[in-house]
Structure formats: C-alpha cells, structure tokens
Amino acid sequence: MSKVKNFAVDWAESADQDLARIVEYIANDSVIDALNVLARIKKQAEALKEFPKRGRVVPELASQGIYAYREKVVAPWRLIYRIEAEQVYVLTVVDSRRNLEDILLERLVEVI
C-alpha cells in the first residue's frame, strides 16, 4: 500500500483577512453560524494536505488561459489556492455570488 503524500497548507495574509471578515460579518447575526462556516472552510483547507488536485481549476481564469489556480467551493464561499511543489498556498476566500473579476479588480485598485 502506497503512502499518501502530504502537502503543507499555508494561508496568505490576504486569505486570513478574508476569512476573518467573513466570520466577523456572519457573527453579527449568529456566532454559532460564524463558527460553523469557519470550521467548514478550515476543514476543506485541511483536506488539501492529502488531495490538493481535487479542487477544480478556477473557471474564470482558465477562460483566460491561466490554469495555475484551483478552488474548493464551500458554498457560498470559494477557497482559491495554488499548488507549488509540495506546498498549497491558500490565496483568498471569496463569495461565489460575486463576480470574481470585480473582486480581483477591487484588490488591484487597493494595492495601487
């Protein structure tokens, strides 16, 4: 029986901030719901240690010829990450009900 290779899962600061904002927003209505969402997202991120390629390529990026980014959907959230060697980098957590291109544009404008 072959051993499953474990990948290290690291969260970018921006992804940590995204998750904190999501949890804070939900907690305004229900702390229990916020903790449940946090647990669901963290569980999916942890699953990337063993199966990082289980997530799909981000469709909006694939349509532009960019295939390096994958996502796991934890409805309604999208956990977007990149695999490099034996590392998984969680880059952002976004609301799937919003247009990803708009979100990325907003973030670029914040940086400028």
PDB file of N, CA and C in Angstrom:
ATOM      1  N   MET A   1       0.847  -1.178   0.000  1.00  0.00           N
ATOM      2  CA  MET A   1       0.000   0.000   0.000  1.00  0.00           C
ATOM      3  C   MET A   1       0.891   1.240   0.000  1.00  0.00           C
ATOM      4  N   SER A   2       0.673   2.153  -0.948  1.00  0.00           N
ATOM      5  CA  SER A   2       1.498   3.352  -1.015  1.00  0.00           C
ATOM      6  C   SER A   2       0.980   4.413  -0.055  1.00  0.00           C
ATOM      7  N   LYS A   3       1.924   5.146   0.483  1.00  0.00           N
ATOM      8  CA  LYS A   3       1.596   6.199   1.438  1.00  0.00           C
ATOM      9  C   LYS A   3       1.175   7.467   0.689  1.00  0.00           C
ATOM     10  N   VAL A   4       0.136   8.118   1.170  1.00  0.00           N
ATOM     11  CA  VAL A   4      -0.330   9.361   0.570  1.00  0.00           C
ATOM     12  C   VAL A   4       0.641  10.468   0.950  1.00  0.00           C
ATOM     13  N   LYS A   5       1.078  11.235  -0.053  1.00  0.00           N
ATOM     14  CA  LYS A   5       1.992  12.349   0.200  1.00  0.00           C
ATOM     15  C   LYS A   5       1.194  13.513   0.787  1.00  0.00           C
ATOM     16  N   ASN A   6       1.679  14.047   1.886  1.00  0.00           N
ATOM     17  CA  ASN A   6       1.024  15.204   2.488  1.00  0.00           C
ATOM     18  C   ASN A   6       1.692  16.495   2.027  1.00  0.00           C
ATOM     19  N   PHE A   7       0.875  17.448   1.657  1.00  0.00           N
ATOM     20  CA  PHE A   7       1.327  18.768   1.262  1.00  0.00           C
ATOM     21  C   PHE A   7       1.194  19.699   2.467  1.00  0.00           C
ATOM     22  N   ALA A   8       2.042  20.687   2.549  1.00  0.00           N
ATOM     23  CA  ALA A   8       1.889  21.720   3.573  1.00  0.00           C
ATOM     24  C   ALA A   8       0.861  22.719   3.052  1.00  0.00           C
ATOM     25  N   VAL A   9      -0.038  23.155   3.903  1.00  0.00           N
ATOM     26  CA  VAL A   9      -1.045  24.144   3.522  1.00  0.00           C
ATOM     27  C   VAL A   9      -0.748  25.440   4.268  1.00  0.00           C
ATOM     28  N   ASP A  10      -0.445  26.482   3.504  1.00  0.00           N
ATOM     29  CA  ASP A  10      -0.144  27.787   4.078  1.00  0.00           C
ATOM     30  C   ASP A  10      -1.173  28.804   3.611  1.00  0.00           C
ATOM     31  N   TRP A  11      -1.562  29.667   4.520  1.00  0.00           N
ATOM     32  CA  TRP A  11      -2.545  30.705   4.219  1.00  0.00           C
ATOM     33  C   TRP A  11      -1.827  32.031   3.997  1.00  0.00           C
ATOM     34  N   ALA A  12      -2.109  32.675   2.880  1.00  0.00           N
ATOM     35  CA  ALA A  12      -1.611  34.029   2.642  1.00  0.00           C
ATOM     36  C   ALA A  12      -2.307  34.973   3.622  1.00  0.00           C
ATOM     37  N   GLU A  13      -1.645  36.044   3.947  1.00  0.00           N
ATOM     38  CA  GLU A  13      -2.235  37.029   4.866  1.00  0.00           C
ATOM     39  C   GLU A  13      -3.582  37.518   4.347  1.00  0.00           C
ATOM     40  N   SER A  14      -3.681  37.709   3.036  1.00  0.00           N
ATOM     41  CA  SER A  14      -4.940  38.185   2.458  1.00  0.00           C
ATOM     42  C   SER A  14      -6.056  37.168   2.661  1.00  0.00           C
ATOM     43  N   ALA A  15      -5.747  35.873   2.572  1.00  0.00           N
ATOM     44  CA  ALA A  15      -6.754  34.831   2.792  1.00  0.00           C
ATOM     45  C   ALA A  15      -7.186  34.802   4.252  1.00  0.00           C
ATOM     46  N   ASP A  16      -6.223  34.970   5.159  1.00  0.00           N
ATOM     47  CA  ASP A  16      -6.562  35.059   6.592  1.00  0.00           C
ATOM     48  C   ASP A  16      -7.505  36.234   6.851  1.00  0.00           C
ATOM     49  N   GLN A  17      -7.206  37.356   6.218  1.00  0.00           N
ATOM     50  CA  GLN A  17      -8.051  38.543   6.380  1.00  0.00           C
ATOM     51  C   GLN A  17      -9.435  38.318   5.793  1.00  0.00           C
ATOM     52  N   ASP A  18      -9.500  37.683   4.640  1.00  0.00           N
ATOM     53  CA  ASP A  18     -10.792  37.359   4.029  1.00  0.00           C
ATOM     54  C   ASP A  18     -11.634  36.525   4.983  1.00  0.00           C
ATOM     55  N   LEU A  19     -11.021  35.487   5.522  1.00  0.00           N
ATOM     56  CA  LEU A  19     -11.739  34.582   6.417  1.00  0.00           C
ATOM     57  C   LEU A  19     -12.192  35.313   7.679  1.00  0.00           C
ATOM     58  N   ALA A  20     -11.343  36.148   8.226  1.00  0.00           N
ATOM     59  CA  ALA A  20     -11.705  36.919   9.428  1.00  0.00           C
ATOM     60  C   ALA A  20     -12.892  37.837   9.142  1.00  0.00           C
ATOM     61  N   ARG A  21     -12.886  38.481   7.969  1.00  0.00           N
ATOM     62  CA  ARG A  21     -14.006  39.376   7.613  1.00  0.00           C
ATOM     63  C   ARG A  21     -15.306  38.593   7.450  1.00  0.00           C
ATOM     64  N   ILE A  22     -15.220  37.426   6.824  1.00  0.00           N
ATOM     65  CA  ILE A  22     -16.409  36.592   6.626  1.00  0.00           C
ATOM     66  C   ILE A  22     -16.982  36.176   7.974  1.00  0.00           C
ATOM     67  N   VAL A  23     -16.130  35.682   8.844  1.00  0.00           N
ATOM     68  CA  VAL A  23     -16.575  35.215  10.159  1.00  0.00           C
ATOM     69  C   VAL A  23     -17.151  36.377  10.967  1.00  0.00           C
ATOM     70  N   GLU A  24     -16.489  37.513  10.920  1.00  0.00           N
ATOM     71  CA  GLU A  24     -16.973  38.685  11.651  1.00  0.00           C
ATOM     72  C   GLU A  24     -18.347  39.125  11.138  1.00  0.00           C
ATOM     73  N   TYR A  25     -18.506  39.139   9.834  1.00  0.00           N
ATOM     74  CA  TYR A  25     -19.777  39.552   9.230  1.00  0.00           C
ATOM     75  C   TYR A  25     -20.910  38.614   9.657  1.00  0.00           C
ATOM     76  N   ILE A  26     -20.666  37.312   9.566  1.00  0.00           N
ATOM     77  CA  ILE A  26     -21.695  36.335   9.933  1.00  0.00           C
ATOM     78  C   ILE A  26     -21.982  36.395  11.430  1.00  0.00           C
ATOM     79  N   ALA A  27     -20.946  36.630  12.225  1.00  0.00           N
ATOM     80  CA  ALA A  27     -21.110  36.677  13.686  1.00  0.00           C
ATOM     81  C   ALA A  27     -22.005  37.820  14.128  1.00  0.00           C
ATOM     82  N   ASN A  28     -22.141  38.846  13.302  1.00  0.00           N
ATOM     83  CA  ASN A  28     -23.055  39.944  13.644  1.00  0.00           C
ATOM     84  C   ASN A  28     -24.485  39.437  13.783  1.00  0.00           C
ATOM     85  N   ASP A  29     -24.815  38.386  13.034  1.00  0.00           N
ATOM     86  CA  ASP A  29     -26.146  37.782  13.128  1.00  0.00           C
ATOM     87  C   ASP A  29     -26.156  36.557  14.027  1.00  0.00           C
ATOM     88  N   SER A  30     -25.103  35.730  13.918  1.00  0.00           N
ATOM     89  CA  SER A  30     -25.084  34.476  14.678  1.00  0.00           C
ATOM     90  C   SER A  30     -23.653  33.994  14.867  1.00  0.00           C
ATOM     91  N   VAL A  31     -23.211  33.970  16.105  1.00  0.00           N
ATOM     92  CA  VAL A  31     -21.864  33.476  16.405  1.00  0.00           C
ATOM     93  C   VAL A  31     -21.761  31.993  16.066  1.00  0.00           C
ATOM     94  N   ILE A  32     -22.811  31.249  16.332  1.00  0.00           N
ATOM     95  CA  ILE A  32     -22.800  29.809  16.032  1.00  0.00           C
ATOM     96  C   ILE A  32     -22.642  29.574  14.537  1.00  0.00           C
ATOM     97  N   ASP A  33     -23.391  30.311  13.728  1.00  0.00           N
ATOM     98  CA  ASP A  33     -23.261  30.169  12.269  1.00  0.00           C
ATOM     99  C   ASP A  33     -21.854  30.551  11.810  1.00  0.00           C
ATOM    100  N   ALA A  34     -21.306  31.600  12.394  1.00  0.00           N
ATOM    101  CA  ALA A  34     -19.963  32.046  12.031  1.00  0.00           C
ATOM    102  C   ALA A  34     -18.931  30.959  12.346  1.00  0.00           C
ATOM    103  N   LEU A  35     -19.052  30.343  13.502  1.00  0.00           N
ATOM    104  CA  LEU A  35     -18.122  29.277  13.876  1.00  0.00           C
ATOM    105  C   LEU A  35     -18.284  28.057  12.980  1.00  0.00           C
ATOM    106  N   ASN A  36     -19.512  27.775  12.572  1.00  0.00           N
ATOM    107  CA  ASN A  36     -19.752  26.655  11.647  1.00  0.00           C
ATOM    108  C   ASN A  36     -19.114  26.907  10.290  1.00  0.00           C
ATOM    109  N   VAL A  37     -19.257  28.122   9.776  1.00  0.00           N
ATOM    110  CA  VAL A  37     -18.642  28.476   8.487  1.00  0.00           C
ATOM    111  C   VAL A  37     -17.124  28.391   8.606  1.00  0.00           C
ATOM    112  N   LEU A  38     -16.581  28.917   9.682  1.00  0.00           N
ATOM    113  CA  LEU A  38     -15.135  28.848   9.904  1.00  0.00           C
ATOM    114  C   LEU A  38     -14.663  27.398   9.900  1.00  0.00           C
ATOM    115  N   ALA A  39     -15.362  26.532  10.620  1.00  0.00           N
ATOM    116  CA  ALA A  39     -14.982  25.120  10.695  1.00  0.00           C
ATOM    117  C   ALA A  39     -15.069  24.445   9.327  1.00  0.00           C
ATOM    118  N   ARG A  40     -16.114  24.750   8.555  1.00  0.00           N
ATOM    119  CA  ARG A  40     -16.274  24.140   7.225  1.00  0.00           C
ATOM    120  C   ARG A  40     -15.149  24.556   6.283  1.00  0.00           C
ATOM    121  N   ILE A  41     -14.814  25.833   6.297  1.00  0.00           N
ATOM    122  CA  ILE A  41     -13.757  26.326   5.410  1.00  0.00           C
ATOM    123  C   ILE A  41     -12.407  25.752   5.824  1.00  0.00           C
ATOM    124  N   LYS A  42     -12.120  25.751   7.112  1.00  0.00           N
ATOM    125  CA  LYS A  42     -10.848  25.211   7.598  1.00  0.00           C
ATOM    126  C   LYS A  42     -10.733  23.712   7.284  1.00  0.00           C
ATOM    127  N   LYS A  43     -11.847  22.983   7.407  1.00  0.00           N
ATOM    128  CA  LYS A  43     -11.840  21.548   7.119  1.00  0.00           C
ATOM    129  C   LYS A  43     -11.492  21.299   5.648  1.00  0.00           C
ATOM    130  N   GLN A  44     -12.069  22.090   4.749  1.00  0.00           N
ATOM    131  CA  GLN A  44     -11.764  21.931   3.321  1.00  0.00           C
ATOM    132  C   GLN A  44     -10.309  22.287   3.033  1.00  0.00           C
ATOM    133  N   ALA A  45      -9.801  23.299   3.708  1.00  0.00           N
ATOM    134  CA  ALA A  45      -8.394  23.676   3.521  1.00  0.00           C
ATOM    135  C   ALA A  45      -7.482  22.556   4.014  1.00  0.00           C
ATOM    136  N   GLU A  46      -7.809  21.954   5.131  1.00  0.00           N
ATOM    137  CA  GLU A  46      -7.008  20.856   5.669  1.00  0.00           C
ATOM    138  C   GLU A  46      -7.030  19.645   4.733  1.00  0.00           C
ATOM    139  N   ALA A  47      -8.147  19.415   4.066  1.00  0.00           N
ATOM    140  CA  ALA A  47      -8.249  18.292   3.137  1.00  0.00           C
ATOM    141  C   ALA A  47      -7.279  18.445   1.966  1.00  0.00           C
ATOM    142  N   LEU A  48      -6.842  19.671   1.706  1.00  0.00           N
ATOM    143  CA  LEU A  48      -5.894  19.911   0.622  1.00  0.00           C
ATOM    144  C   LEU A  48      -4.529  19.294   0.914  1.00  0.00           C
ATOM    145  N   LYS A  49      -4.263  18.984   2.175  1.00  0.00           N
ATOM    146  CA  LYS A  49      -2.987  18.347   2.524  1.00  0.00           C
ATOM    147  C   LYS A  49      -2.807  17.028   1.787  1.00  0.00           C
ATOM    148  N   GLU A  50      -3.883  16.274   1.664  1.00  0.00           N
ATOM    149  CA  GLU A  50      -3.795  14.969   1.023  1.00  0.00           C
ATOM    150  C   GLU A  50      -4.247  14.979  -0.436  1.00  0.00           C
ATOM    151  N   PHE A  51      -5.193  15.855  -0.759  1.00  0.00           N
ATOM    152  CA  PHE A  51      -5.772  15.839  -2.109  1.00  0.00           C
ATOM    153  C   PHE A  51      -5.862  17.243  -2.703  1.00  0.00           C
ATOM    154  N   PRO A  52      -4.733  17.900  -2.939  1.00  0.00           N
ATOM    155  CA  PRO A  52      -4.795  19.275  -3.436  1.00  0.00           C
ATOM    156  C   PRO A  52      -5.368  19.420  -4.841  1.00  0.00           C
ATOM    157  N   LYS A  53      -5.271  18.387  -5.653  1.00  0.00           N
ATOM    158  CA  LYS A  53      -5.773  18.494  -7.026  1.00  0.00           C
ATOM    159  C   LYS A  53      -7.249  18.159  -7.135  1.00  0.00           C
ATOM    160  N   ARG A  54      -7.882  17.881  -6.016  1.00  0.00           N
ATOM    161  CA  ARG A  54      -9.311  17.573  -6.032  1.00  0.00           C
ATOM    162  C   ARG A  54     -10.132  18.814  -6.396  1.00  0.00           C
ATOM    163  N   GLY A  55      -9.625  19.981  -6.087  1.00  0.00           N
ATOM    164  CA  GLY A  55     -10.323  21.213  -6.452  1.00  0.00           C
ATOM    165  C   GLY A  55     -10.232  21.468  -7.943  1.00  0.00           C
ATOM    166  N   ARG A  56     -11.210  22.163  -8.462  1.00  0.00           N
ATOM    167  CA  ARG A  56     -11.222  22.451  -9.904  1.00  0.00           C
ATOM    168  C   ARG A  56     -10.373  23.681 -10.215  1.00  0.00           C
ATOM    169  N   VAL A  57      -9.956  23.776 -11.459  1.00  0.00           N
ATOM    170  CA  VAL A  57      -9.274  24.977 -11.933  1.00  0.00           C
ATOM    171  C   VAL A  57     -10.300  26.101 -11.922  1.00  0.00           C
ATOM    172  N   VAL A  58      -9.896  27.298 -11.505  1.00  0.00           N
ATOM    173  CA  VAL A  58     -10.811  28.443 -11.435  1.00  0.00           C
ATOM    174  C   VAL A  58     -11.296  28.759 -12.852  1.00  0.00           C
ATOM    175  N   PRO A  59     -12.601  28.585 -13.113  1.00  0.00           N
ATOM    176  CA  PRO A  59     -13.111  28.725 -14.488  1.00  0.00           C
ATOM    177  C   PRO A  59     -12.852  30.087 -15.126  1.00  0.00           C
ATOM    178  N   GLU A  60     -13.009  31.160 -14.362  1.00  0.00           N
ATOM    179  CA  GLU A  60     -12.814  32.498 -14.927  1.00  0.00           C
ATOM    180  C   GLU A  60     -11.367  32.707 -15.368  1.00  0.00           C
ATOM    181  N   LEU A  61     -10.436  32.098 -14.651  1.00  0.00           N
ATOM    182  CA  LEU A  61      -9.026  32.223 -15.022  1.00  0.00           C
ATOM    183  C   LEU A  61      -8.678  31.267 -16.160  1.00  0.00           C
ATOM    184  N   ALA A  62      -9.243  30.074 -16.121  1.00  0.00           N
ATOM    185  CA  ALA A  62      -8.998  29.108 -17.191  1.00  0.00           C
ATOM    186  C   ALA A  62      -9.439  29.657 -18.542  1.00  0.00           C
ATOM    187  N   SER A  63     -10.537  30.427 -18.548  1.00  0.00           N
ATOM    188  CA  SER A  63     -11.015  31.006 -19.812  1.00  0.00           C
ATOM    189  C   SER A  63     -10.031  32.031 -20.372  1.00  0.00           C
ATOM    190  N   GLN A  64      -9.102  32.486 -19.516  1.00  0.00           N
ATOM    191  CA  GLN A  64      -8.061  33.429 -19.947  1.00  0.00           C
ATOM    192  C   GLN A  64      -6.718  32.727 -20.149  1.00  0.00           C
ATOM    193  N   GLY A  65      -6.734  31.385 -20.083  1.00  0.00           N
ATOM    194  CA  GLY A  65      -5.514  30.619 -20.285  1.00  0.00           C
ATOM    195  C   GLY A  65      -4.655  30.472 -19.041  1.00  0.00           C
ATOM    196  N   ILE A  66      -5.212  30.766 -17.881  1.00  0.00           N
ATOM    197  CA  ILE A  66      -4.479  30.661 -16.614  1.00  0.00           C
ATOM    198  C   ILE A  66      -4.999  29.434 -15.876  1.00  0.00           C
ATOM    199  N   TYR A  67      -4.138  28.437 -15.735  1.00  0.00           N
ATOM    200  CA  TYR A  67      -4.560  27.162 -15.154  1.00  0.00           C
ATOM    201  C   TYR A  67      -3.887  26.839 -13.815  1.00  0.00           C
ATOM    202  N   ALA A  68      -3.120  27.768 -13.290  1.00  0.00           N
ATOM    203  CA  ALA A  68      -2.326  27.503 -12.082  1.00  0.00           C
ATOM    204  C   ALA A  68      -3.136  27.609 -10.794  1.00  0.00           C
ATOM    205  N   TYR A  69      -4.341  28.146 -10.867  1.00  0.00           N
ATOM    206  CA  TYR A  69      -5.129  28.369  -9.651  1.00  0.00           C
ATOM    207  C   TYR A  69      -6.315  27.419  -9.604  1.00  0.00           C
ATOM    208  N   ARG A  70      -6.526  26.866  -8.423  1.00  0.00           N
ATOM    209  CA  ARG A  70      -7.625  25.934  -8.204  1.00  0.00           C
ATOM    210  C   ARG A  70      -8.530  26.486  -7.115  1.00  0.00           C
ATOM    211  N   GLU A  71      -9.688  25.850  -6.986  1.00  0.00           N
ATOM    212  CA  GLU A  71     -10.614  26.285  -5.943  1.00  0.00           C
ATOM    213  C   GLU A  71     -11.398  25.115  -5.383  1.00  0.00           C
ATOM    214  N   LYS A  72     -11.747  25.257  -4.128  1.00  0.00           N
ATOM    215  CA  LYS A  72     -12.688  24.360  -3.465  1.00  0.00           C
ATOM    216  C   LYS A  72     -13.883  25.241  -3.109  1.00  0.00           C
ATOM    217  N   VAL A  73     -15.056  24.770  -3.425  1.00  0.00           N
ATOM    218  CA  VAL A  73     -16.265  25.529  -3.109  1.00  0.00           C
ATOM    219  C   VAL A  73     -16.814  25.014  -1.784  1.00  0.00           C
ATOM    220  N   VAL A  74     -16.972  25.949  -0.866  1.00  0.00           N
ATOM    221  CA  VAL A  74     -17.613  25.693   0.425  1.00  0.00           C
ATOM    222  C   VAL A  74     -18.778  26.679   0.429  1.00  0.00           C
ATOM    223  N   ALA A  75     -19.850  26.277  -0.228  1.00  0.00           N
ATOM    224  CA  ALA A  75     -20.952  27.180  -0.568  1.00  0.00           C
ATOM    225  C   ALA A  75     -21.348  28.071   0.605  1.00  0.00           C
ATOM    226  N   PRO A  76     -21.459  29.365   0.359  1.00  0.00           N
ATOM    227  CA  PRO A  76     -21.274  30.075  -0.907  1.00  0.00           C
ATOM    228  C   PRO A  76     -19.864  30.619  -1.104  1.00  0.00           C
ATOM    229  N   TRP A  77     -18.892  30.085  -0.414  1.00  0.00           N
ATOM    230  CA  TRP A  77     -17.533  30.618  -0.471  1.00  0.00           C
ATOM    231  C   TRP A  77     -16.666  29.820  -1.432  1.00  0.00           C
ATOM    232  N   ARG A  78     -15.673  30.500  -1.995  1.00  0.00           N
ATOM    233  CA  ARG A  78     -14.694  29.863  -2.873  1.00  0.00           C
ATOM    234  C   ARG A  78     -13.322  30.040  -2.238  1.00  0.00           C
ATOM    235  N   LEU A  79     -12.665  28.937  -1.978  1.00  0.00           N
ATOM    236  CA  LEU A  79     -11.326  28.914  -1.404  1.00  0.00           C
ATOM    237  C   LEU A  79     -10.361  28.755  -2.579  1.00  0.00           C
ATOM    238  N   ILE A  80      -9.654  29.816  -2.934  1.00  0.00           N
ATOM    239  CA  ILE A  80      -8.793  29.802  -4.116  1.00  0.00           C
ATOM    240  C   ILE A  80      -7.351  29.606  -3.677  1.00  0.00           C
ATOM    241  N   TYR A  81      -6.675  28.655  -4.346  1.00  0.00           N
ATOM    242  CA  TYR A  81      -5.324  28.296  -3.928  1.00  0.00           C
ATOM    243  C   TYR A  81      -4.459  27.944  -5.125  1.00  0.00           C
ATOM    244  N   ARG A  82      -3.184  27.782  -4.838  1.00  0.00           N
ATOM    245  CA  ARG A  82      -2.197  27.406  -5.857  1.00  0.00           C
ATOM    246  C   ARG A  82      -1.317  26.305  -5.283  1.00  0.00           C
ATOM    247  N   ILE A  83      -0.969  25.345  -6.101  1.00  0.00           N
ATOM    248  CA  ILE A  83      -0.083  24.257  -5.685  1.00  0.00           C
ATOM    249  C   ILE A  83       1.297  24.522  -6.276  1.00  0.00           C
ATOM    250  N   GLU A  84       2.320  24.469  -5.424  1.00  0.00           N
ATOM    251  CA  GLU A  84       3.702  24.609  -5.881  1.00  0.00           C
ATOM    252  C   GLU A  84       4.532  23.569  -5.152  1.00  0.00           C
ATOM    253  N   ALA A  85       5.129  22.661  -5.910  1.00  0.00           N
ATOM    254  CA  ALA A  85       5.918  21.555  -5.349  1.00  0.00           C
ATOM    255  C   ALA A  85       5.057  20.809  -4.337  1.00  0.00           C
ATOM    256  N   GLU A  86       5.454  20.794  -3.076  1.00  0.00           N
ATOM    257  CA  GLU A  86       4.684  20.103  -2.041  1.00  0.00           C
ATOM    258  C   GLU A  86       3.991  21.087  -1.112  1.00  0.00           C
ATOM    259  N   GLN A  87       3.681  22.259  -1.634  1.00  0.00           N
ATOM    260  CA  GLN A  87       3.023  23.321  -0.865  1.00  0.00           C
ATOM    261  C   GLN A  87       1.697  23.675  -1.518  1.00  0.00           C
ATOM    262  N   VAL A  88       0.718  23.967  -0.693  1.00  0.00           N
ATOM    263  CA  VAL A  88      -0.546  24.526  -1.151  1.00  0.00           C
ATOM    264  C   VAL A  88      -0.644  25.898  -0.509  1.00  0.00           C
ATOM    265  N   TYR A  89      -0.844  26.910  -1.319  1.00  0.00           N
ATOM    266  CA  TYR A  89      -0.976  28.277  -0.818  1.00  0.00           C
ATOM    267  C   TYR A  89      -2.420  28.734  -0.990  1.00  0.00           C
ATOM    268  N   VAL A  90      -3.122  28.902   0.119  1.00  0.00           N
ATOM    269  CA  VAL A  90      -4.483  29.440   0.078  1.00  0.00           C
ATOM    270  C   VAL A  90      -4.326  30.944  -0.100  1.00  0.00           C
ATOM    271  N   LEU A  91      -4.867  31.465  -1.198  1.00  0.00           N
ATOM    272  CA  LEU A  91      -4.641  32.857  -1.565  1.00  0.00           C
ATOM    273  C   LEU A  91      -5.783  33.782  -1.201  1.00  0.00           C
ATOM    274  N   THR A  92      -7.006  33.272  -1.279  1.00  0.00           N
ATOM    275  CA  THR A  92      -8.154  34.118  -0.992  1.00  0.00           C
ATOM    276  C   THR A  92      -9.380  33.260  -0.718  1.00  0.00           C
ATOM    277  N   VAL A  93     -10.320  33.844  -0.003  1.00  0.00           N
ATOM    278  CA  VAL A  93     -11.628  33.238   0.207  1.00  0.00           C
ATOM    279  C   VAL A  93     -12.635  34.298  -0.214  1.00  0.00           C
ATOM    280  N   VAL A  94     -13.440  33.980  -1.240  1.00  0.00           N
ATOM    281  CA  VAL A  94     -14.365  34.970  -1.787  1.00  0.00           C
ATOM    282  C   VAL A  94     -15.781  34.413  -1.835  1.00  0.00           C
ATOM    283  N   ASP A  95     -16.718  35.320  -1.916  1.00  0.00           N
ATOM    284  CA  ASP A  95     -18.138  34.978  -2.008  1.00  0.00           C
ATOM    285  C   ASP A  95     -18.439  34.574  -3.452  1.00  0.00           C
ATOM    286  N   SER A  96     -18.925  33.364  -3.644  1.00  0.00           N
ATOM    287  CA  SER A  96     -19.191  32.875  -5.002  1.00  0.00           C
ATOM    288  C   SER A  96     -20.348  33.598  -5.681  1.00  0.00           C
ATOM    289  N   ARG A  97     -21.113  34.350  -4.911  1.00  0.00           N
ATOM    290  CA  ARG A  97     -22.240  35.086  -5.503  1.00  0.00           C
ATOM    291  C   ARG A  97     -21.779  36.377  -6.159  1.00  0.00           C
ATOM    292  N   ARG A  98     -20.514  36.730  -5.937  1.00  0.00           N
ATOM    293  CA  ARG A  98     -19.954  37.938  -6.557  1.00  0.00           C
ATOM    294  C   ARG A  98     -19.123  37.558  -7.773  1.00  0.00           C
ATOM    295  N   ASN A  99     -18.950  38.506  -8.660  1.00  0.00           N
ATOM    296  CA  ASN A  99     -18.146  38.318  -9.858  1.00  0.00           C
ATOM    297  C   ASN A  99     -16.661  38.339  -9.477  1.00  0.00           C
ATOM    298  N   LEU A 100     -15.951  37.260  -9.781  1.00  0.00           N
ATOM    299  CA  LEU A 100     -14.541  37.154  -9.408  1.00  0.00           C
ATOM    300  C   LEU A 100     -13.697  38.246 -10.051  1.00  0.00           C
ATOM    301  N   GLU A 101     -13.992  38.596 -11.282  1.00  0.00           N
ATOM    302  CA  GLU A 101     -13.228  39.648 -11.955  1.00  0.00           C
ATOM    303  C   GLU A 101     -13.365  40.977 -11.215  1.00  0.00           C
ATOM    304  N   ASP A 102     -14.566  41.283 -10.724  1.00  0.00           N
ATOM    305  CA  ASP A 102     -14.777  42.511  -9.947  1.00  0.00           C
ATOM    306  C   ASP A 102     -13.973  42.491  -8.651  1.00  0.00           C
ATOM    307  N   ILE A 103     -13.962  41.343  -7.990  1.00  0.00           N
ATOM    308  CA  ILE A 103     -13.219  41.209  -6.731  1.00  0.00           C
ATOM    309  C   ILE A 103     -11.728  41.422  -6.968  1.00  0.00           C
ATOM    310  N   LEU A 104     -11.188  40.785  -8.005  1.00  0.00           N
ATOM    311  CA  LEU A 104      -9.775  40.927  -8.300  1.00  0.00           C
ATOM    312  C   LEU A 104      -9.423  42.357  -8.684  1.00  0.00           C
ATOM    313  N   LEU A 105     -10.284  43.005  -9.440  1.00  0.00           N
ATOM    314  CA  LEU A 105     -10.064  44.409  -9.812  1.00  0.00           C
ATOM    315  C   LEU A 105     -10.050  45.300  -8.570  1.00  0.00           C
ATOM    316  N   GLU A 106     -10.988  45.093  -7.665  1.00  0.00           N
ATOM    317  CA  GLU A 106     -11.024  45.865  -6.411  1.00  0.00           C
ATOM    318  C   GLU A 106      -9.716  45.702  -5.640  1.00  0.00           C
ATOM    319  N   ARG A 107      -9.204  44.492  -5.598  1.00  0.00           N
ATOM    320  CA  ARG A 107      -7.972  44.236  -4.852  1.00  0.00           C
ATOM    321  C   ARG A 107      -6.776  44.893  -5.513  1.00  0.00           C
ATOM    322  N   LEU A 108      -6.748  44.899  -6.837  1.00  0.00           N
ATOM    323  CA  LEU A 108      -5.654  45.573  -7.527  1.00  0.00           C
ATOM    324  C   LEU A 108      -5.691  47.071  -7.286  1.00  0.00           C
ATOM    325  N   VAL A 109      -6.884  47.640  -7.267  1.00  0.00           N
ATOM    326  CA  VAL A 109      -7.020  49.077  -7.037  1.00  0.00           C
ATOM    327  C   VAL A 109      -6.582  49.425  -5.606  1.00  0.00           C
ATOM    328  N   GLU A 110      -6.874  48.548  -4.638  1.00  0.00           N
ATOM    329  CA  GLU A 110      -6.456  48.767  -3.240  1.00  0.00           C
ATOM    330  C   GLU A 110      -4.935  48.840  -3.135  1.00  0.00           C
ATOM    331  N   VAL A 111      -4.235  48.046  -3.952  1.00  0.00           N
ATOM    332  CA  VAL A 111      -2.780  47.974  -3.895  1.00  0.00           C
ATOM    333  C   VAL A 111      -2.144  49.224  -4.468  1.00  0.00           C
ATOM    334  N   ILE A 112      -2.794  49.815  -5.468  1.00  0.00           N
ATOM    335  CA  ILE A 112      -2.218  50.972  -6.167  1.00  0.00           C
ATOM    336  C   ILE A 112      -2.282  52.224  -5.334  1.00  0.00           C
TER     337      ILE A 112
END
